[in-house]
Structures are given as structure tokens and as C-alpha cells.
Amino acid sequence: MPPDPYAKRLLYFVFMGSRGGVNRARIISAIRRRPLNANQLAKDLGLDYKAIQHHIGVLEKNNLVTRVGERYGATYFVSTFLEVNMESFDEIAHKLEKST
């Protein structure tokens, strides 16, 4: 199946076209391995809890992560939309790695 051009454009904007894209890509990579809550993400990635909350908000708003649970203990998963477009994400993540 050919990549969805809308999805590729959205992923490019969220990860490469705005500040914090590298950290958002790191968050996606971490929850791809196993679902985590915001506190676990902060510890695993060495980022401030508030920064994680901000990036998770951006990812949720763009339908890239799914939340299960409420408030502090909410666990985050990769959304179905992102799973379907994971090939495009991997391509963009590879470009991010090369640029840093």
C-alpha cells in the first residue's frame, strides 16, 4: 500500500517542522517498545515531566498517541493511525538521527 501523503505531511510537520520534534520522536520510539506513563517517560528519556506533558499533548492532538486511563497514571500507546503509517515515521526518524 502506498504511503498516505496526508500522513507523511503531518508526521513531517510534527517531527521535523517544529521545535521539539526530536524529543517527540524519542517519546514515540519509547512507547513503541512498551507503553509508559508520563513519569516513566520522563525518567527513561531524561526529560522534565512538564516537557513530557507538553509533547504528549502535541502527539495526542495530532492523533499519534492514545491514552488509556486518567490523569497521573495514564498510559500512552502508539495510535492506530501511526501504526498504519509507521513506515513514514521510520523514514522521518532516520532523517532526524542523521541531522543531529
Protein backbone atom coordinates (compact mmCIF):
# COMPACT_ATOMS: atom_id res chain seq x y z
CA MET A 1 0.00 0.00 0.00
CA PRO A 2 1.48 3.40 -0.95
CA PRO A 3 2.09 5.86 1.89
CA ASP A 4 -0.69 8.31 2.68
CA PRO A 5 0.53 11.78 1.59
CA TYR A 6 -1.54 13.49 4.30
CA ALA A 7 0.01 11.28 6.99
CA LYS A 8 3.54 11.86 5.72
CA ARG A 9 2.97 15.63 5.68
CA LEU A 10 1.57 15.56 9.23
CA LEU A 11 4.45 13.44 10.52
CA TYR A 12 6.98 15.66 8.81
CA PHE A 13 5.46 18.75 10.43
CA VAL A 14 5.18 17.24 13.94
CA PHE A 15 8.70 15.78 13.99
CA MET A 16 10.81 17.93 11.66
CA GLY A 17 8.91 21.14 11.11
CA SER A 18 8.62 22.32 14.68
CA ARG A 19 10.74 22.64 17.79
CA GLY A 20 10.83 19.56 19.98
CA GLY A 21 10.46 17.12 17.11
CA VAL A 22 13.47 15.09 18.22
CA ASN A 23 12.02 14.62 21.70
CA ARG A 24 8.61 13.72 20.26
CA ALA A 25 10.27 11.09 18.08
CA ARG A 26 12.09 9.75 21.15
CA ILE A 27 8.76 9.51 23.00
CA ILE A 28 7.18 7.58 20.11
CA SER A 29 10.17 5.22 19.98
CA ALA A 30 9.93 4.60 23.74
CA ILE A 31 6.21 3.84 23.79
CA ARG A 32 6.60 1.74 20.68
CA ARG A 33 8.82 -0.62 22.68
CA ARG A 34 6.36 -0.68 25.60
CA PRO A 35 3.50 1.55 26.81
CA LEU A 36 4.56 4.03 29.50
CA ASN A 37 3.06 6.83 31.57
CA ALA A 38 4.42 10.39 31.59
CA ASN A 39 6.53 9.88 34.71
CA GLN A 40 8.15 6.74 33.29
CA LEU A 41 8.82 8.57 30.01
CA ALA A 42 10.46 11.46 31.89
CA LYS A 43 12.78 9.07 33.73
CA ASP A 44 13.58 6.91 30.69
CA LEU A 45 14.31 9.86 28.40
CA GLY A 46 15.92 12.16 30.96
CA LEU A 47 13.43 14.96 30.29
CA ASP A 48 11.42 17.18 32.59
CA TYR A 49 7.92 15.88 33.45
CA LYS A 50 6.34 19.13 32.20
CA ALA A 51 8.17 18.79 28.87
CA ILE A 52 6.83 15.25 28.51
CA GLN A 53 3.30 16.51 29.23
CA HIS A 54 3.67 19.18 26.55
CA HIS A 55 5.00 16.78 23.91
CA ILE A 56 2.36 14.15 24.75
CA GLY A 57 -0.29 16.86 24.32
CA VAL A 58 1.02 17.67 20.84
CA LEU A 59 1.14 13.98 19.93
CA GLU A 60 -2.39 13.38 21.23
CA LYS A 61 -3.76 16.42 19.42
CA ASN A 62 -2.35 15.04 16.16
CA ASN A 63 -3.71 11.52 16.81
CA LEU A 64 -0.26 9.93 17.11
CA VAL A 65 -0.65 8.51 20.63
CA THR A 66 -3.58 7.05 22.53
CA ARG A 67 -4.12 7.48 26.25
CA VAL A 68 -5.53 4.73 28.46
CA GLY A 69 -6.52 5.86 31.94
CA GLU A 70 -6.93 9.25 33.51
CA ARG A 71 -4.63 11.94 34.83
CA TYR A 72 -1.34 10.93 36.50
CA GLY A 73 -1.42 7.20 35.83
CA ALA A 74 -2.48 7.42 32.17
CA THR A 75 -0.53 5.05 29.97
CA TYR A 76 0.33 6.05 26.41
CA PHE A 77 0.29 3.79 23.36
CA VAL A 78 1.07 4.35 19.69
CA SER A 79 -2.22 5.17 17.93
CA THR A 80 -3.72 3.02 15.19
CA PHE A 81 -3.20 5.92 12.75
CA LEU A 82 0.54 5.95 13.50
CA GLU A 83 0.79 2.15 13.39
CA VAL A 84 -0.64 2.21 9.86
CA ASN A 85 1.87 4.91 8.87
CA MET A 86 4.87 3.56 10.80
CA GLU A 87 6.96 3.26 7.64
CA SER A 88 6.71 7.03 7.10
CA PHE A 89 7.57 7.65 10.77
CA ASP A 90 10.64 5.40 10.49
CA GLU A 91 11.80 7.32 7.42
CA ILE A 92 11.43 10.67 9.20
CA ALA A 93 13.06 9.35 12.39
CA HIS A 94 16.03 8.17 10.33
CA LYS A 95 16.38 11.67 8.82
CA LEU A 96 16.23 13.18 12.32
CA GLU A 97 19.01 10.88 13.52
CA LYS A 98 21.23 11.88 10.61
CA SER A 99 20.64 15.60 11.20
CA THR A 100 21.60 15.53 14.92
